[in-house]
Amino acid sequence: MSSPVTVWRHHKNIKNYLGQTGKVIVWTKVFIAPAGFEHEAPYFVAIVEFKDGARMPLQIADFEGEDLKPNQKIGCRKYHQTING
């Protein structure tokens, strides 16, 4: 099992995983977002494991919580939302 420190350390290499598929290990729904992300709440985040064993915390887009399942395959892509206002 990866420690939280190891998971976050891998996260700086996310660019190497764009376009790849990983599997959902665990997920949660965030209701109270940190500063700068309030407009996105509620949203889902998950620990995703890739083929090389790296695990990364990622925000889940285009899914509802009821649709997520353990070991579900998901793609890793860059997501950017612009807020007008």
C-alpha atoms as a PDB file:
ATOM      1  CA  MET A   1       0.000   0.000   0.000  1.00  0.00           C
ATOM      2  CA  SER A   2       1.290   3.448  -0.900  1.00  0.00           C
ATOM      3  CA  SER A   3       1.605   6.072   1.805  1.00  0.00           C
ATOM      4  CA  PRO A   4      -0.031   9.488   1.238  1.00  0.00           C
ATOM      5  CA  VAL A   5       3.438  11.017   0.920  1.00  0.00           C
ATOM      6  CA  THR A   6       4.349   8.592  -1.879  1.00  0.00           C
ATOM      7  CA  VAL A   7       1.061   9.238  -3.675  1.00  0.00           C
ATOM      8  CA  TRP A   8       1.553  13.026  -3.598  1.00  0.00           C
ATOM      9  CA  ARG A   9       5.200  12.672  -4.650  1.00  0.00           C
ATOM     10  CA  HIS A  10       4.091  10.827  -7.816  1.00  0.00           C
ATOM     11  CA  HIS A  11       1.558  13.559  -8.561  1.00  0.00           C
ATOM     12  CA  LYS A  12       4.251  15.962  -9.802  1.00  0.00           C
ATOM     13  CA  ASN A  13       4.757  13.527 -12.709  1.00  0.00           C
ATOM     14  CA  ILE A  14       1.123  13.706 -13.861  1.00  0.00           C
ATOM     15  CA  LYS A  15       2.158  14.982 -17.291  1.00  0.00           C
ATOM     16  CA  ASN A  16       3.699  11.550 -17.962  1.00  0.00           C
ATOM     17  CA  TYR A  17       0.289   9.911 -17.453  1.00  0.00           C
ATOM     18  CA  LEU A  18      -1.871  12.168 -19.625  1.00  0.00           C
ATOM     19  CA  GLY A  19      -3.593  10.023 -22.246  1.00  0.00           C
ATOM     20  CA  GLN A  20      -3.123   6.819 -20.242  1.00  0.00           C
ATOM     21  CA  THR A  21      -5.755   4.690 -18.555  1.00  0.00           C
ATOM     22  CA  GLY A  22      -5.710   3.856 -14.864  1.00  0.00           C
ATOM     23  CA  LYS A  23      -8.048   2.173 -12.409  1.00  0.00           C
ATOM     24  CA  VAL A  24      -9.953   3.771  -9.553  1.00  0.00           C
ATOM     25  CA  ILE A  25      -8.760   2.489  -6.181  1.00  0.00           C
ATOM     26  CA  VAL A  26     -10.893   4.690  -3.901  1.00  0.00           C
ATOM     27  CA  TRP A  27     -12.876   7.898  -4.297  1.00  0.00           C
ATOM     28  CA  THR A  28     -14.727  10.517  -2.299  1.00  0.00           C
ATOM     29  CA  LYS A  29     -17.001  13.474  -2.896  1.00  0.00           C
ATOM     30  CA  VAL A  30     -15.675  16.882  -1.822  1.00  0.00           C
ATOM     31  CA  PHE A  31     -18.407  19.217  -0.593  1.00  0.00           C
ATOM     32  CA  ILE A  32     -16.261  22.001   0.892  1.00  0.00           C
ATOM     33  CA  ALA A  33     -13.513  22.862  -1.553  1.00  0.00           C
ATOM     34  CA  PRO A  34     -10.265  24.675  -0.780  1.00  0.00           C
ATOM     35  CA  ALA A  35      -9.810  28.322  -1.712  1.00  0.00           C
ATOM     36  CA  GLY A  36      -9.921  28.814  -5.449  1.00  0.00           C
ATOM     37  CA  PHE A  37     -12.009  25.698  -6.088  1.00  0.00           C
ATOM     38  CA  GLU A  38     -15.246  26.713  -4.350  1.00  0.00           C
ATOM     39  CA  HIS A  39     -17.033  27.079  -7.693  1.00  0.00           C
ATOM     40  CA  GLU A  40     -16.384  23.385  -8.500  1.00  0.00           C
ATOM     41  CA  ALA A  41     -17.882  21.891  -5.317  1.00  0.00           C
ATOM     42  CA  PRO A  42     -19.218  19.342  -4.990  1.00  0.00           C
ATOM     43  CA  TYR A  43     -16.775  17.247  -7.022  1.00  0.00           C
ATOM     44  CA  PHE A  44     -15.174  13.802  -6.886  1.00  0.00           C
ATOM     45  CA  VAL A  45     -11.526  12.951  -6.320  1.00  0.00           C
ATOM     46  CA  ALA A  46      -9.980   9.512  -6.553  1.00  0.00           C
ATOM     47  CA  ILE A  47      -6.733   7.674  -6.074  1.00  0.00           C
ATOM     48  CA  VAL A  48      -6.007   6.199  -9.505  1.00  0.00           C
ATOM     49  CA  GLU A  49      -3.450   3.457 -10.089  1.00  0.00           C
ATOM     50  CA  PHE A  50      -1.618   3.225 -13.416  1.00  0.00           C
ATOM     51  CA  LYS A  51      -0.038   0.175 -15.094  1.00  0.00           C
ATOM     52  CA  ASP A  52       3.396   0.951 -13.647  1.00  0.00           C
ATOM     53  CA  GLY A  53       1.952   0.907 -10.113  1.00  0.00           C
ATOM     54  CA  ALA A  54       2.032   4.684  -9.604  1.00  0.00           C
ATOM     55  CA  ARG A  55      -0.964   6.021  -7.687  1.00  0.00           C
ATOM     56  CA  MET A  56      -2.137   9.600  -8.022  1.00  0.00           C
ATOM     57  CA  PRO A  57      -4.936  11.697  -6.560  1.00  0.00           C
ATOM     58  CA  LEU A  58      -7.020  13.032  -9.438  1.00  0.00           C
ATOM     59  CA  GLN A  59     -10.197  15.014  -9.788  1.00  0.00           C
ATOM     60  CA  ILE A  60     -12.871  12.974 -11.529  1.00  0.00           C
ATOM     61  CA  ALA A  61     -14.775  14.751 -14.309  1.00  0.00           C
ATOM     62  CA  ASP A  62     -17.682  13.495 -16.409  1.00  0.00           C
ATOM     63  CA  PHE A  63     -18.794  10.948 -13.788  1.00  0.00           C
ATOM     64  CA  GLU A  64     -21.406  10.870 -11.081  1.00  0.00           C
ATOM     65  CA  GLY A  65     -20.685   9.078  -7.817  1.00  0.00           C
ATOM     66  CA  GLU A  66     -23.200   6.350  -8.558  1.00  0.00           C
ATOM     67  CA  ASP A  67     -21.275   5.538 -11.758  1.00  0.00           C
ATOM     68  CA  LEU A  68     -17.898   5.009 -10.046  1.00  0.00           C
ATOM     69  CA  LYS A  69     -16.874   1.470  -9.106  1.00  0.00           C
ATOM     70  CA  PRO A  70     -13.727  -0.073  -7.587  1.00  0.00           C
ATOM     71  CA  ASN A  71     -11.183  -1.015 -10.284  1.00  0.00           C
ATOM     72  CA  GLN A  72     -13.076   0.995 -12.899  1.00  0.00           C
ATOM     73  CA  LYS A  73     -10.891   2.059 -15.807  1.00  0.00           C
ATOM     74  CA  ILE A  74     -10.676   5.802 -16.426  1.00  0.00           C
ATOM     75  CA  GLY A  75      -8.597   7.960 -18.723  1.00  0.00           C
ATOM     76  CA  CYS A  76      -6.254  10.682 -17.524  1.00  0.00           C
ATOM     77  CA  ARG A  77      -6.614  13.975 -19.342  1.00  0.00           C
ATOM     78  CA  LYS A  78      -6.048  17.629 -18.682  1.00  0.00           C
ATOM     79  CA  TYR A  79      -9.212  19.403 -17.575  1.00  0.00           C
ATOM     80  CA  HIS A  80      -9.584  23.135 -17.387  1.00  0.00           C
ATOM     81  CA  GLN A  81     -12.731  25.048 -16.604  1.00  0.00           C
ATOM     82  CA  THR A  82     -12.981  28.791 -17.118  1.00  0.00           C
ATOM     83  CA  ILE A  83     -15.280  30.761 -14.857  1.00  0.00           C
ATOM     84  CA  ASN A  84     -16.917  33.805 -16.392  1.00  0.00           C
ATOM     85  CA  GLY A  85     -17.851  36.482 -14.008  1.00  0.00           C
END
